[in-house]
Amino acid sequence: MKLKKFSLIILSIVFSAIIFSGCSNVNEEQGSSLSIAAIVYHSLSDGEKAELANSKPDGDGKVERKVVTKEIAQLTDKSYDGKEVYAVTFKVKDNNSLGDITVYFDGETKKVIGRGIRE
């Protein structure tokens, strides 16, 4: 009987650890997305910040992984052409002007590597 209780306790601990570790990974991913948006937001010029539809400290930027090419972005480093990086897109107040602002960011070096071409 004691062995059965002991096994049940161990099993409960293992399942709890699995559940909590899965939750922390989701929070880490969300946290890294938020910090990427905040880092990129601070790289925007005052003029670009004035164009944004949202004035939150992170500009409410949408973070996603994309392949960047010289056809869609003005790259500060040509070695990123064709590589997957983070793209942070900020909505602007007047969508009829040049369109939303997209900034490309290298998550490893924590550097802005280009801006999306706005037409």
C-alpha atoms as a PDB file:
ATOM      1  CA  MET A   1       0.000   0.000   0.000  1.00  0.00           C
ATOM      2  CA  LYS A   2       2.821   2.428   0.872  1.00  0.00           C
ATOM      3  CA  LEU A   3       4.586   1.599  -2.382  1.00  0.00           C
ATOM      4  CA  LYS A   4       1.424   2.445  -4.321  1.00  0.00           C
ATOM      5  CA  LYS A   5       1.151   5.877  -2.618  1.00  0.00           C
ATOM      6  CA  PHE A   6       4.828   6.551  -3.205  1.00  0.00           C
ATOM      7  CA  SER A   7       4.491   5.671  -6.914  1.00  0.00           C
ATOM      8  CA  LEU A   8       1.447   7.921  -7.218  1.00  0.00           C
ATOM      9  CA  ILE A   9       3.315  10.844  -5.619  1.00  0.00           C
ATOM     10  CA  ILE A  10       6.328  10.390  -7.937  1.00  0.00           C
ATOM     11  CA  LEU A  11       4.067  10.166 -10.974  1.00  0.00           C
ATOM     12  CA  SER A  12       2.266  13.369  -9.942  1.00  0.00           C
ATOM     13  CA  ILE A  13       5.551  15.213  -9.540  1.00  0.00           C
ATOM     14  CA  VAL A  14       6.765  14.100 -12.987  1.00  0.00           C
ATOM     15  CA  PHE A  15       3.528  15.194 -14.697  1.00  0.00           C
ATOM     16  CA  SER A  16       3.579  18.544 -12.891  1.00  0.00           C
ATOM     17  CA  ALA A  17       7.159  19.159 -13.973  1.00  0.00           C
ATOM     18  CA  ILE A  18       6.268  18.407 -17.604  1.00  0.00           C
ATOM     19  CA  ILE A  19       3.260  20.725 -17.540  1.00  0.00           C
ATOM     20  CA  PHE A  20       5.153  23.607 -15.906  1.00  0.00           C
ATOM     21  CA  SER A  21       8.148  23.300 -18.232  1.00  0.00           C
ATOM     22  CA  GLY A  22       5.832  23.540 -21.249  1.00  0.00           C
ATOM     23  CA  CYS A  23       4.229  26.705 -19.860  1.00  0.00           C
ATOM     24  CA  SER A  24       7.570  28.373 -19.251  1.00  0.00           C
ATOM     25  CA  ASN A  25       8.640  27.803 -22.875  1.00  0.00           C
ATOM     26  CA  VAL A  26       5.521  29.599 -24.102  1.00  0.00           C
ATOM     27  CA  ASN A  27       6.207  32.512 -21.743  1.00  0.00           C
ATOM     28  CA  GLU A  28       9.855  32.684 -22.847  1.00  0.00           C
ATOM     29  CA  GLU A  29       8.805  32.841 -26.509  1.00  0.00           C
ATOM     30  CA  GLN A  30       6.261  35.569 -25.793  1.00  0.00           C
ATOM     31  CA  GLY A  31       8.798  37.461 -23.690  1.00  0.00           C
ATOM     32  CA  SER A  32      11.433  37.295 -26.412  1.00  0.00           C
ATOM     33  CA  SER A  33       8.940  38.553 -29.001  1.00  0.00           C
ATOM     34  CA  LEU A  34       8.052  41.467 -26.766  1.00  0.00           C
ATOM     35  CA  SER A  35      11.667  42.360 -26.154  1.00  0.00           C
ATOM     36  CA  ILE A  36      12.464  42.142 -29.882  1.00  0.00           C
ATOM     37  CA  ALA A  37       9.597  44.525 -30.636  1.00  0.00           C
ATOM     38  CA  ALA A  38      10.817  46.890 -27.904  1.00  0.00           C
ATOM     39  CA  ILE A  39      14.436  46.820 -29.136  1.00  0.00           C
ATOM     40  CA  VAL A  40      13.357  47.508 -32.705  1.00  0.00           C
ATOM     41  CA  TYR A  41      10.905  50.232 -31.599  1.00  0.00           C
ATOM     42  CA  HIS A  42      13.775  52.119 -29.956  1.00  0.00           C
ATOM     43  CA  SER A  43      15.707  51.985 -33.245  1.00  0.00           C
ATOM     44  CA  LEU A  44      12.969  53.953 -35.039  1.00  0.00           C
ATOM     45  CA  SER A  45      13.496  57.633 -35.772  1.00  0.00           C
ATOM     46  CA  ASP A  46      11.237  60.205 -34.118  1.00  0.00           C
ATOM     47  CA  GLY A  47       9.533  60.717 -37.482  1.00  0.00           C
ATOM     48  CA  GLU A  48       8.801  56.994 -37.814  1.00  0.00           C
ATOM     49  CA  LYS A  49       7.487  56.838 -34.231  1.00  0.00           C
ATOM     50  CA  ALA A  50       5.150  59.757 -34.998  1.00  0.00           C
ATOM     51  CA  GLU A  51       3.669  57.743 -37.909  1.00  0.00           C
ATOM     52  CA  LEU A  52       2.745  54.747 -35.735  1.00  0.00           C
ATOM     53  CA  ALA A  53      -0.892  53.957 -35.026  1.00  0.00           C
ATOM     54  CA  ASN A  54       0.010  52.853 -31.483  1.00  0.00           C
ATOM     55  CA  SER A  55       2.249  54.809 -29.106  1.00  0.00           C
ATOM     56  CA  LYS A  56       3.079  51.934 -26.735  1.00  0.00           C
ATOM     57  CA  PRO A  57       6.775  51.583 -25.784  1.00  0.00           C
ATOM     58  CA  ASP A  58       7.071  48.593 -28.114  1.00  0.00           C
ATOM     59  CA  GLY A  59       4.932  50.239 -30.792  1.00  0.00           C
ATOM     60  CA  ASP A  60       2.730  47.134 -30.728  1.00  0.00           C
ATOM     61  CA  GLY A  61       4.984  45.594 -33.374  1.00  0.00           C
ATOM     62  CA  LYS A  62       4.117  42.224 -34.883  1.00  0.00           C
ATOM     63  CA  VAL A  63       7.136  39.905 -34.672  1.00  0.00           C
ATOM     64  CA  GLU A  64       7.575  37.011 -37.100  1.00  0.00           C
ATOM     65  CA  ARG A  65      10.350  35.023 -38.774  1.00  0.00           C
ATOM     66  CA  LYS A  66      10.878  35.805 -42.466  1.00  0.00           C
ATOM     67  CA  VAL A  67      13.435  35.359 -45.185  1.00  0.00           C
ATOM     68  CA  VAL A  68      14.798  38.799 -46.044  1.00  0.00           C
ATOM     69  CA  THR A  69      16.060  39.689 -49.501  1.00  0.00           C
ATOM     70  CA  LYS A  70      17.441  42.839 -51.086  1.00  0.00           C
ATOM     71  CA  GLU A  71      14.267  43.012 -53.199  1.00  0.00           C
ATOM     72  CA  ILE A  72      12.057  43.630 -50.134  1.00  0.00           C
ATOM     73  CA  ALA A  73      14.456  45.458 -47.812  1.00  0.00           C
ATOM     74  CA  GLN A  74      17.275  47.961 -47.674  1.00  0.00           C
ATOM     75  CA  LEU A  75      19.895  45.857 -45.896  1.00  0.00           C
ATOM     76  CA  THR A  76      22.732  47.364 -43.878  1.00  0.00           C
ATOM     77  CA  ASP A  77      24.660  44.101 -44.324  1.00  0.00           C
ATOM     78  CA  LYS A  78      24.312  42.297 -47.680  1.00  0.00           C
ATOM     79  CA  SER A  79      25.316  38.943 -46.108  1.00  0.00           C
ATOM     80  CA  TYR A  80      21.760  38.655 -44.742  1.00  0.00           C
ATOM     81  CA  ASP A  81      20.272  38.472 -48.260  1.00  0.00           C
ATOM     82  CA  GLY A  82      18.247  35.231 -48.416  1.00  0.00           C
ATOM     83  CA  LYS A  83      18.524  34.467 -44.677  1.00  0.00           C
ATOM     84  CA  GLU A  84      15.740  34.005 -42.140  1.00  0.00           C
ATOM     85  CA  VAL A  85      15.584  36.800 -39.558  1.00  0.00           C
ATOM     86  CA  TYR A  86      12.950  38.512 -37.437  1.00  0.00           C
ATOM     87  CA  ALA A  87      10.636  40.970 -39.176  1.00  0.00           C
ATOM     88  CA  VAL A  88       8.901  43.473 -36.897  1.00  0.00           C
ATOM     89  CA  THR A  89       5.992  45.275 -38.530  1.00  0.00           C
ATOM     90  CA  PHE A  90       4.475  48.409 -37.062  1.00  0.00           C
ATOM     91  CA  LYS A  91       1.071  49.666 -38.229  1.00  0.00           C
ATOM     92  CA  VAL A  92       0.993  53.323 -39.247  1.00  0.00           C
ATOM     93  CA  LYS A  93      -1.855  55.832 -38.801  1.00  0.00           C
ATOM     94  CA  ASP A  94      -2.257  56.630 -42.495  1.00  0.00           C
ATOM     95  CA  ASN A  95      -2.055  53.341 -44.394  1.00  0.00           C
ATOM     96  CA  ASN A  96      -2.536  55.157 -47.711  1.00  0.00           C
ATOM     97  CA  SER A  97       0.849  56.866 -47.442  1.00  0.00           C
ATOM     98  CA  LEU A  98       3.939  54.656 -47.644  1.00  0.00           C
ATOM     99  CA  GLY A  99       2.499  51.639 -45.850  1.00  0.00           C
ATOM    100  CA  ASP A 100       3.451  49.956 -42.594  1.00  0.00           C
ATOM    101  CA  ILE A 101       7.000  50.106 -41.247  1.00  0.00           C
ATOM    102  CA  THR A 102       8.892  46.796 -41.282  1.00  0.00           C
ATOM    103  CA  VAL A 103      12.272  46.450 -39.611  1.00  0.00           C
ATOM    104  CA  TYR A 104      14.474  43.354 -39.987  1.00  0.00           C
ATOM    105  CA  PHE A 105      16.357  42.182 -36.913  1.00  0.00           C
ATOM    106  CA  ASP A 106      19.003  39.538 -36.198  1.00  0.00           C
ATOM    107  CA  GLY A 107      18.001  37.814 -32.952  1.00  0.00           C
ATOM    108  CA  GLU A 108      21.487  36.419 -32.317  1.00  0.00           C
ATOM    109  CA  THR A 109      23.444  39.666 -32.618  1.00  0.00           C
ATOM    110  CA  LYS A 110      20.500  41.806 -31.416  1.00  0.00           C
ATOM    111  CA  LYS A 111      21.033  44.248 -34.285  1.00  0.00           C
ATOM    112  CA  VAL A 112      18.742  45.878 -36.797  1.00  0.00           C
ATOM    113  CA  ILE A 113      19.912  44.699 -40.210  1.00  0.00           C
ATOM    114  CA  GLY A 114      17.522  46.493 -42.531  1.00  0.00           C
ATOM    115  CA  ARG A 115      14.248  48.274 -43.256  1.00  0.00           C
ATOM    116  CA  GLY A 116      11.436  47.136 -45.484  1.00  0.00           C
ATOM    117  CA  ILE A 117      11.027  49.088 -48.699  1.00  0.00           C
ATOM    118  CA  ARG A 118       8.004  51.378 -48.392  1.00  0.00           C
ATOM    119  CA  GLU A 119       6.254  52.506 -51.570  1.00  0.00           C
END
